[in-house]
Amino acid sequence: MARLASGLWVDAYLTRLRLADIAVYITAKGDATAGAVLVKCATLDGRARAFQRSYDLLEDRRIWLPFAEGAEAEVDQAVARARRSDPDLWVIELEDRAGRTLLDQPGLSD
């Protein structure tokens, strides 16, 4: 399966989030071609969740899996550890009280 360059995927994702009025920030810019992506969503109540893209071999498609969840400070620490071990990692942070990430929408697992 052909992969979309990370930078293009991030640009498309940011556009969808902005159209949905979800605050979004790139806190770490990774490799534009093949960098992995972490998405952190802060619910503005001291809690957060982070997701990472993976591949489902049984269904032959990309999916988003939980990476970390809990107190925002703990999620931030997990994201920081991941960033230290992978300098090509993109980190996208959202702020949405309802916890919307839009990662379940068609096209965002590709």
C-alpha atoms as a PDB file:
ATOM      1  CA  MET A   1       0.000   0.000   0.000  1.00  0.00           C
ATOM      2  CA  ALA A   2       1.385   3.403  -0.969  1.00  0.00           C
ATOM      3  CA  ARG A   3       1.885   5.857   1.872  1.00  0.00           C
ATOM      4  CA  LEU A   4       1.107   9.520   1.821  1.00  0.00           C
ATOM      5  CA  ALA A   5       4.072  11.672   2.857  1.00  0.00           C
ATOM      6  CA  SER A   6       3.763  12.664   6.517  1.00  0.00           C
ATOM      7  CA  GLY A   7       3.910  16.386   5.809  1.00  0.00           C
ATOM      8  CA  LEU A   8       1.024  16.186   3.329  1.00  0.00           C
ATOM      9  CA  TRP A   9      -1.058  14.093   5.731  1.00  0.00           C
ATOM     10  CA  VAL A  10      -0.422  16.599   8.542  1.00  0.00           C
ATOM     11  CA  ASP A  11      -1.455  19.519   6.306  1.00  0.00           C
ATOM     12  CA  ALA A  12      -4.709  17.774   5.359  1.00  0.00           C
ATOM     13  CA  TYR A  13      -5.407  16.862   8.997  1.00  0.00           C
ATOM     14  CA  LEU A  14      -4.817  20.434  10.172  1.00  0.00           C
ATOM     15  CA  THR A  15      -7.257  21.685   7.543  1.00  0.00           C
ATOM     16  CA  ARG A  16      -9.969  19.273   8.729  1.00  0.00           C
ATOM     17  CA  LEU A  17      -9.440  20.261  12.347  1.00  0.00           C
ATOM     18  CA  ARG A  18      -9.603  23.963  11.579  1.00  0.00           C
ATOM     19  CA  LEU A  19     -12.795  23.483   9.559  1.00  0.00           C
ATOM     20  CA  ALA A  20     -14.287  21.748  12.617  1.00  0.00           C
ATOM     21  CA  ASP A  21     -13.182  24.663  14.862  1.00  0.00           C
ATOM     22  CA  ILE A  22     -10.822  22.451  16.856  1.00  0.00           C
ATOM     23  CA  ALA A  23      -7.748  24.271  18.191  1.00  0.00           C
ATOM     24  CA  VAL A  24      -4.601  22.590  16.890  1.00  0.00           C
ATOM     25  CA  TYR A  25      -0.868  23.136  17.240  1.00  0.00           C
ATOM     26  CA  ILE A  26       2.196  21.400  15.833  1.00  0.00           C
ATOM     27  CA  THR A  27       4.478  21.050  18.850  1.00  0.00           C
ATOM     28  CA  ALA A  28       7.119  18.965  17.073  1.00  0.00           C
ATOM     29  CA  LYS A  29       7.712  18.953  13.342  1.00  0.00           C
ATOM     30  CA  GLY A  30       8.969  15.592  12.174  1.00  0.00           C
ATOM     31  CA  ASP A  31      10.341  14.254   8.930  1.00  0.00           C
ATOM     32  CA  ALA A  32       8.188  15.533   6.053  1.00  0.00           C
ATOM     33  CA  THR A  33       8.427  12.295   4.111  1.00  0.00           C
ATOM     34  CA  ALA A  34       8.253   9.411   6.539  1.00  0.00           C
ATOM     35  CA  GLY A  35       7.990  10.747  10.099  1.00  0.00           C
ATOM     36  CA  ALA A  36       5.592   8.978  12.445  1.00  0.00           C
ATOM     37  CA  VAL A  37       2.739  11.045  13.902  1.00  0.00           C
ATOM     38  CA  LEU A  38       1.421  11.299  17.466  1.00  0.00           C
ATOM     39  CA  VAL A  39      -1.846  13.145  18.103  1.00  0.00           C
ATOM     40  CA  LYS A  40      -2.512  14.454  21.615  1.00  0.00           C
ATOM     41  CA  CYS A  41      -5.943  15.752  22.579  1.00  0.00           C
ATOM     42  CA  ALA A  42      -6.288  17.825  25.745  1.00  0.00           C
ATOM     43  CA  THR A  43      -9.855  18.074  27.035  1.00  0.00           C
ATOM     44  CA  LEU A  44      -9.087  21.225  29.060  1.00  0.00           C
ATOM     45  CA  ASP A  45      -9.970  19.559  32.366  1.00  0.00           C
ATOM     46  CA  GLY A  46      -6.444  18.388  33.213  1.00  0.00           C
ATOM     47  CA  ARG A  47      -6.776  15.170  31.208  1.00  0.00           C
ATOM     48  CA  ALA A  48      -5.506  14.162  27.784  1.00  0.00           C
ATOM     49  CA  ARG A  49      -5.206  11.256  25.380  1.00  0.00           C
ATOM     50  CA  ALA A  50      -2.576  10.577  22.754  1.00  0.00           C
ATOM     51  CA  PHE A  51      -2.828   8.333  19.711  1.00  0.00           C
ATOM     52  CA  GLN A  52      -0.333   6.753  17.351  1.00  0.00           C
ATOM     53  CA  ARG A  53      -0.832   5.327  13.903  1.00  0.00           C
ATOM     54  CA  SER A  54      -0.381   1.611  13.464  1.00  0.00           C
ATOM     55  CA  TYR A  55      -1.130  -1.025  10.864  1.00  0.00           C
ATOM     56  CA  ASP A  56      -3.864  -3.648  11.233  1.00  0.00           C
ATOM     57  CA  LEU A  57      -2.569  -6.716   9.386  1.00  0.00           C
ATOM     58  CA  LEU A  58      -5.902  -8.542   9.605  1.00  0.00           C
ATOM     59  CA  GLU A  59      -7.825  -5.749   7.924  1.00  0.00           C
ATOM     60  CA  ASP A  60      -4.883  -4.536   5.800  1.00  0.00           C
ATOM     61  CA  ARG A  61      -5.290  -0.897   6.768  1.00  0.00           C
ATOM     62  CA  ARG A  62      -3.851   1.808   8.993  1.00  0.00           C
ATOM     63  CA  ILE A  63      -5.540   2.502  12.307  1.00  0.00           C
ATOM     64  CA  TRP A  64      -5.080   4.840  15.270  1.00  0.00           C
ATOM     65  CA  LEU A  65      -4.313   3.237  18.630  1.00  0.00           C
ATOM     66  CA  PRO A  66      -4.157   4.774  22.102  1.00  0.00           C
ATOM     67  CA  PHE A  67      -0.609   5.740  23.032  1.00  0.00           C
ATOM     68  CA  ALA A  68      -1.181   7.364  26.444  1.00  0.00           C
ATOM     69  CA  GLU A  69      -4.162   8.511  28.477  1.00  0.00           C
ATOM     70  CA  GLY A  70      -4.685  10.164  31.840  1.00  0.00           C
ATOM     71  CA  ALA A  71      -3.522  13.315  33.537  1.00  0.00           C
ATOM     72  CA  GLU A  72      -2.245  15.759  30.933  1.00  0.00           C
ATOM     73  CA  ALA A  73       1.163  16.028  32.607  1.00  0.00           C
ATOM     74  CA  GLU A  74       1.603  12.235  32.382  1.00  0.00           C
ATOM     75  CA  VAL A  75       0.580  12.183  28.729  1.00  0.00           C
ATOM     76  CA  ASP A  76       3.028  15.033  28.056  1.00  0.00           C
ATOM     77  CA  GLN A  77       5.805  12.999  29.677  1.00  0.00           C
ATOM     78  CA  ALA A  78       5.007   9.958  27.503  1.00  0.00           C
ATOM     79  CA  VAL A  79       4.990  12.131  24.373  1.00  0.00           C
ATOM     80  CA  ALA A  80       8.315  13.733  25.395  1.00  0.00           C
ATOM     81  CA  ARG A  81       9.893  10.276  25.850  1.00  0.00           C
ATOM     82  CA  ALA A  82       8.663   9.227  22.401  1.00  0.00           C
ATOM     83  CA  ARG A  83      10.038  12.424  20.876  1.00  0.00           C
ATOM     84  CA  ARG A  84      13.454  11.870  22.497  1.00  0.00           C
ATOM     85  CA  SER A  85      13.653   8.362  21.026  1.00  0.00           C
ATOM     86  CA  ASP A  86      12.413   9.446  17.567  1.00  0.00           C
ATOM     87  CA  PRO A  87      13.580  12.886  16.402  1.00  0.00           C
ATOM     88  CA  ASP A  88      11.579  12.447  13.159  1.00  0.00           C
ATOM     89  CA  LEU A  89       8.293  12.222  15.104  1.00  0.00           C
ATOM     90  CA  TRP A  90       5.502  14.736  14.473  1.00  0.00           C
ATOM     91  CA  VAL A  91       3.503  15.785  17.538  1.00  0.00           C
ATOM     92  CA  ILE A  92       0.146  17.408  16.908  1.00  0.00           C
ATOM     93  CA  GLU A  93      -1.741  18.781  19.914  1.00  0.00           C
ATOM     94  CA  LEU A  94      -5.461  19.495  19.935  1.00  0.00           C
ATOM     95  CA  GLU A  95      -7.626  21.240  22.497  1.00  0.00           C
ATOM     96  CA  ASP A  96     -11.244  20.127  22.521  1.00  0.00           C
ATOM     97  CA  ARG A  97     -13.527  19.778  25.550  1.00  0.00           C
ATOM     98  CA  ALA A  98     -15.423  16.936  23.846  1.00  0.00           C
ATOM     99  CA  GLY A  99     -12.177  15.097  23.027  1.00  0.00           C
ATOM    100  CA  ARG A 100     -12.780  15.157  19.275  1.00  0.00           C
ATOM    101  CA  THR A 101      -9.782  14.177  17.146  1.00  0.00           C
ATOM    102  CA  LEU A 102     -11.525  13.363  13.836  1.00  0.00           C
ATOM    103  CA  LEU A 103      -9.137  10.405  13.491  1.00  0.00           C
ATOM    104  CA  ASP A 104     -12.124   8.135  12.862  1.00  0.00           C
ATOM    105  CA  GLN A 105     -13.074  10.028   9.704  1.00  0.00           C
ATOM    106  CA  PRO A 106     -12.478   8.428   6.295  1.00  0.00           C
ATOM    107  CA  GLY A 107      -9.065   9.156   4.847  1.00  0.00           C
ATOM    108  CA  LEU A 108      -7.270   9.909   8.108  1.00  0.00           C
ATOM    109  CA  SER A 109      -6.035   6.358   8.644  1.00  0.00           C
ATOM    110  CA  ASP A 110      -4.414   6.267   5.210  1.00  0.00           C
END
